[in-house]
Amino acid sequence: MTAQEFLEAFSAQVGVPAPDAQEFEALLEVAALAAHSSERLAAPLACWMGGASGMPAAALLAAAKAVAAGAEAG
């Protein structure tokens, strides 16, 4: 099963649309920032929190960049 196939099937199970190409890239970057700015386990949990927030992927990416910049500064 490819990632796209999994996401399409998962979206049907949870009742939300699968991310479009821009959302997909933004969410992958959110996960990467979370994992590389702290511990790897932060990535899936940050994505879950982002989904629970209802914020658009672009806003989540901006928030993750702000947190990562703070981690680098201090």
N, C-alpha and C. Protein backbone atom coordinates (compact mmCIF):
# COMPACT_ATOMS: atom_id res chain seq x y z
N MET A 1 0.86 -1.17 0.00
CA MET A 1 0.00 0.00 0.00
C MET A 1 0.91 1.24 0.00
N THR A 2 0.62 2.16 -0.87
CA THR A 2 1.39 3.40 -0.92
C THR A 2 0.89 4.36 0.16
N ALA A 3 1.66 5.40 0.41
CA ALA A 3 1.23 6.42 1.36
C ALA A 3 -0.08 7.05 0.90
N GLN A 4 -0.19 7.34 -0.38
CA GLN A 4 -1.41 7.95 -0.91
C GLN A 4 -2.62 7.03 -0.72
N GLU A 5 -2.44 5.75 -0.98
CA GLU A 5 -3.53 4.79 -0.78
C GLU A 5 -3.92 4.72 0.70
N PHE A 6 -2.93 4.70 1.57
CA PHE A 6 -3.23 4.66 3.00
C PHE A 6 -4.00 5.90 3.42
N LEU A 7 -3.53 7.07 2.99
CA LEU A 7 -4.17 8.33 3.39
C LEU A 7 -5.60 8.41 2.86
N GLU A 8 -5.83 7.96 1.64
CA GLU A 8 -7.19 7.97 1.09
C GLU A 8 -8.11 7.04 1.89
N ALA A 9 -7.62 5.84 2.21
CA ALA A 9 -8.43 4.91 3.00
C ALA A 9 -8.64 5.43 4.42
N PHE A 10 -7.60 6.00 5.00
CA PHE A 10 -7.70 6.54 6.35
C PHE A 10 -8.67 7.72 6.39
N SER A 11 -8.61 8.57 5.38
CA SER A 11 -9.52 9.72 5.33
C SER A 11 -10.97 9.26 5.28
N ALA A 12 -11.22 8.19 4.55
CA ALA A 12 -12.58 7.65 4.48
C ALA A 12 -13.02 7.10 5.84
N GLN A 13 -12.09 6.48 6.56
CA GLN A 13 -12.42 5.91 7.87
C GLN A 13 -12.72 6.98 8.91
N VAL A 14 -11.97 8.11 8.85
CA VAL A 14 -12.14 9.14 9.87
C VAL A 14 -13.04 10.29 9.44
N GLY A 15 -13.47 10.26 8.18
CA GLY A 15 -14.45 11.23 7.71
C GLY A 15 -13.93 12.63 7.43
N VAL A 16 -12.68 12.71 7.03
CA VAL A 16 -12.11 14.00 6.62
C VAL A 16 -11.42 13.81 5.27
N PRO A 17 -11.32 14.89 4.49
CA PRO A 17 -10.63 14.74 3.21
C PRO A 17 -9.12 14.54 3.40
N ALA A 18 -8.54 13.79 2.50
CA ALA A 18 -7.08 13.63 2.51
C ALA A 18 -6.44 14.97 2.16
N PRO A 19 -5.23 15.23 2.65
CA PRO A 19 -4.58 16.50 2.35
C PRO A 19 -4.27 16.62 0.85
N ASP A 20 -4.42 17.86 0.34
CA ASP A 20 -4.01 18.09 -1.04
C ASP A 20 -2.48 18.20 -1.08
N ALA A 21 -1.92 18.43 -2.23
CA ALA A 21 -0.45 18.42 -2.39
C ALA A 21 0.22 19.47 -1.52
N GLN A 22 -0.34 20.68 -1.45
CA GLN A 22 0.26 21.73 -0.62
C GLN A 22 0.16 21.39 0.86
N GLU A 23 -0.99 20.89 1.29
CA GLU A 23 -1.17 20.49 2.68
C GLU A 23 -0.23 19.35 3.04
N PHE A 24 -0.10 18.41 2.11
CA PHE A 24 0.77 17.25 2.31
C PHE A 24 2.20 17.71 2.60
N GLU A 25 2.72 18.62 1.77
CA GLU A 25 4.08 19.11 1.95
C GLU A 25 4.22 19.89 3.26
N ALA A 26 3.23 20.73 3.58
CA ALA A 26 3.29 21.52 4.81
C ALA A 26 3.28 20.61 6.03
N LEU A 27 2.44 19.59 6.01
CA LEU A 27 2.35 18.68 7.15
C LEU A 27 3.62 17.85 7.32
N LEU A 28 4.23 17.47 6.20
CA LEU A 28 5.51 16.75 6.30
C LEU A 28 6.57 17.65 6.91
N GLU A 29 6.55 18.93 6.56
CA GLU A 29 7.52 19.86 7.13
C GLU A 29 7.25 20.08 8.62
N VAL A 30 5.98 20.16 9.00
CA VAL A 30 5.64 20.27 10.42
C VAL A 30 6.23 19.08 11.18
N ALA A 31 6.02 17.89 10.65
CA ALA A 31 6.54 16.68 11.30
C ALA A 31 8.06 16.70 11.38
N ALA A 32 8.71 17.14 10.31
CA ALA A 32 10.18 17.19 10.30
C ALA A 32 10.69 18.20 11.32
N LEU A 33 10.06 19.37 11.38
CA LEU A 33 10.48 20.38 12.35
C LEU A 33 10.31 19.86 13.78
N ALA A 34 9.19 19.22 14.04
CA ALA A 34 8.95 18.68 15.38
C ALA A 34 9.99 17.63 15.74
N ALA A 35 10.27 16.74 14.81
CA ALA A 35 11.20 15.65 15.08
C ALA A 35 12.64 16.13 15.22
N HIS A 36 13.02 17.11 14.43
CA HIS A 36 14.41 17.56 14.43
C HIS A 36 14.69 18.65 15.45
N SER A 37 13.65 19.30 15.96
CA SER A 37 13.84 20.35 16.97
C SER A 37 13.76 19.80 18.38
N SER A 38 13.30 18.57 18.51
CA SER A 38 13.16 17.97 19.83
C SER A 38 13.45 16.48 19.72
N GLU A 39 12.48 15.68 20.07
CA GLU A 39 12.60 14.23 19.94
C GLU A 39 11.67 13.76 18.83
N ARG A 40 12.01 12.65 18.22
CA ARG A 40 11.21 12.14 17.10
C ARG A 40 9.75 11.94 17.46
N LEU A 41 9.48 11.56 18.69
CA LEU A 41 8.09 11.29 19.06
C LEU A 41 7.22 12.55 19.02
N ALA A 42 7.83 13.72 18.96
CA ALA A 42 7.06 14.95 18.87
C ALA A 42 6.34 15.07 17.53
N ALA A 43 6.87 14.44 16.49
CA ALA A 43 6.30 14.59 15.15
C ALA A 43 4.85 14.11 15.05
N PRO A 44 4.55 12.86 15.39
CA PRO A 44 3.15 12.44 15.25
C PRO A 44 2.22 13.17 16.21
N LEU A 45 2.72 13.49 17.39
CA LEU A 45 1.86 14.17 18.35
C LEU A 45 1.60 15.61 17.95
N ALA A 46 2.60 16.28 17.38
CA ALA A 46 2.39 17.64 16.89
C ALA A 46 1.37 17.63 15.75
N CYS A 47 1.45 16.63 14.88
CA CYS A 47 0.48 16.54 13.78
C CYS A 47 -0.92 16.25 14.31
N TRP A 48 -1.02 15.42 15.33
CA TRP A 48 -2.33 15.17 15.94
C TRP A 48 -2.89 16.45 16.55
N MET A 49 -2.04 17.18 17.26
CA MET A 49 -2.48 18.44 17.87
C MET A 49 -2.91 19.43 16.80
N GLY A 50 -2.17 19.47 15.71
CA GLY A 50 -2.54 20.35 14.60
C GLY A 50 -3.88 19.99 14.03
N GLY A 51 -4.13 18.70 13.86
CA GLY A 51 -5.43 18.28 13.35
C GLY A 51 -6.56 18.61 14.32
N ALA A 52 -6.29 18.41 15.59
CA ALA A 52 -7.31 18.72 16.60
C ALA A 52 -7.60 20.21 16.67
N SER A 53 -6.61 21.03 16.31
CA SER A 53 -6.79 22.49 16.37
C SER A 53 -7.73 23.00 15.29
N GLY A 54 -7.80 22.27 14.18
CA GLY A 54 -8.60 22.72 13.05
C GLY A 54 -7.94 23.81 12.22
N MET A 55 -6.72 24.17 12.57
CA MET A 55 -6.00 25.20 11.81
C MET A 55 -5.58 24.66 10.45
N PRO A 56 -5.49 25.53 9.44
CA PRO A 56 -5.00 25.08 8.13
C PRO A 56 -3.52 24.68 8.20
N ALA A 57 -3.12 23.82 7.29
CA ALA A 57 -1.75 23.31 7.28
C ALA A 57 -0.72 24.43 7.22
N ALA A 58 -0.98 25.47 6.46
CA ALA A 58 -0.02 26.58 6.35
C ALA A 58 0.17 27.26 7.71
N ALA A 59 -0.90 27.42 8.47
CA ALA A 59 -0.79 28.04 9.80
C ALA A 59 -0.05 27.11 10.76
N LEU A 60 -0.26 25.82 10.63
CA LEU A 60 0.46 24.87 11.47
C LEU A 60 1.95 24.93 11.18
N LEU A 61 2.29 25.05 9.90
CA LEU A 61 3.69 25.14 9.52
C LEU A 61 4.32 26.40 10.10
N ALA A 62 3.61 27.51 10.03
CA ALA A 62 4.13 28.76 10.61
C ALA A 62 4.36 28.60 12.11
N ALA A 63 3.44 27.95 12.80
CA ALA A 63 3.58 27.74 14.23
C ALA A 63 4.78 26.83 14.52
N ALA A 64 4.93 25.77 13.75
CA ALA A 64 6.06 24.86 13.95
C ALA A 64 7.38 25.56 13.69
N LYS A 65 7.43 26.42 12.69
CA LYS A 65 8.66 27.18 12.42
C LYS A 65 8.99 28.11 13.58
N ALA A 66 7.97 28.73 14.16
CA ALA A 66 8.20 29.62 15.30
C ALA A 66 8.73 28.85 16.49
N VAL A 67 8.16 27.67 16.76
CA VAL A 67 8.63 26.87 17.88
C VAL A 67 10.06 26.39 17.62
N ALA A 68 10.33 25.93 16.40
CA ALA A 68 11.68 25.45 16.06
C ALA A 68 12.70 26.57 16.17
N ALA A 69 12.34 27.78 15.74
CA ALA A 69 13.26 28.91 15.84
C ALA A 69 13.55 29.22 17.31
N GLY A 70 12.55 29.11 18.16
CA GLY A 70 12.76 29.30 19.59
C GLY A 70 13.66 28.26 20.18
N ALA A 71 13.53 27.02 19.71
CA ALA A 71 14.38 25.93 20.20
C ALA A 71 15.83 26.16 19.80
N GLU A 72 16.05 26.68 18.60
CA GLU A 72 17.40 26.95 18.14
C GLU A 72 18.04 28.11 18.90
N ALA A 73 17.21 29.09 19.26
CA ALA A 73 17.72 30.28 19.94
C ALA A 73 18.07 30.03 21.39
N GLY A 74 17.40 29.07 21.97
CA GLY A 74 17.64 28.96 23.39
C GLY A 74 17.85 27.63 23.90
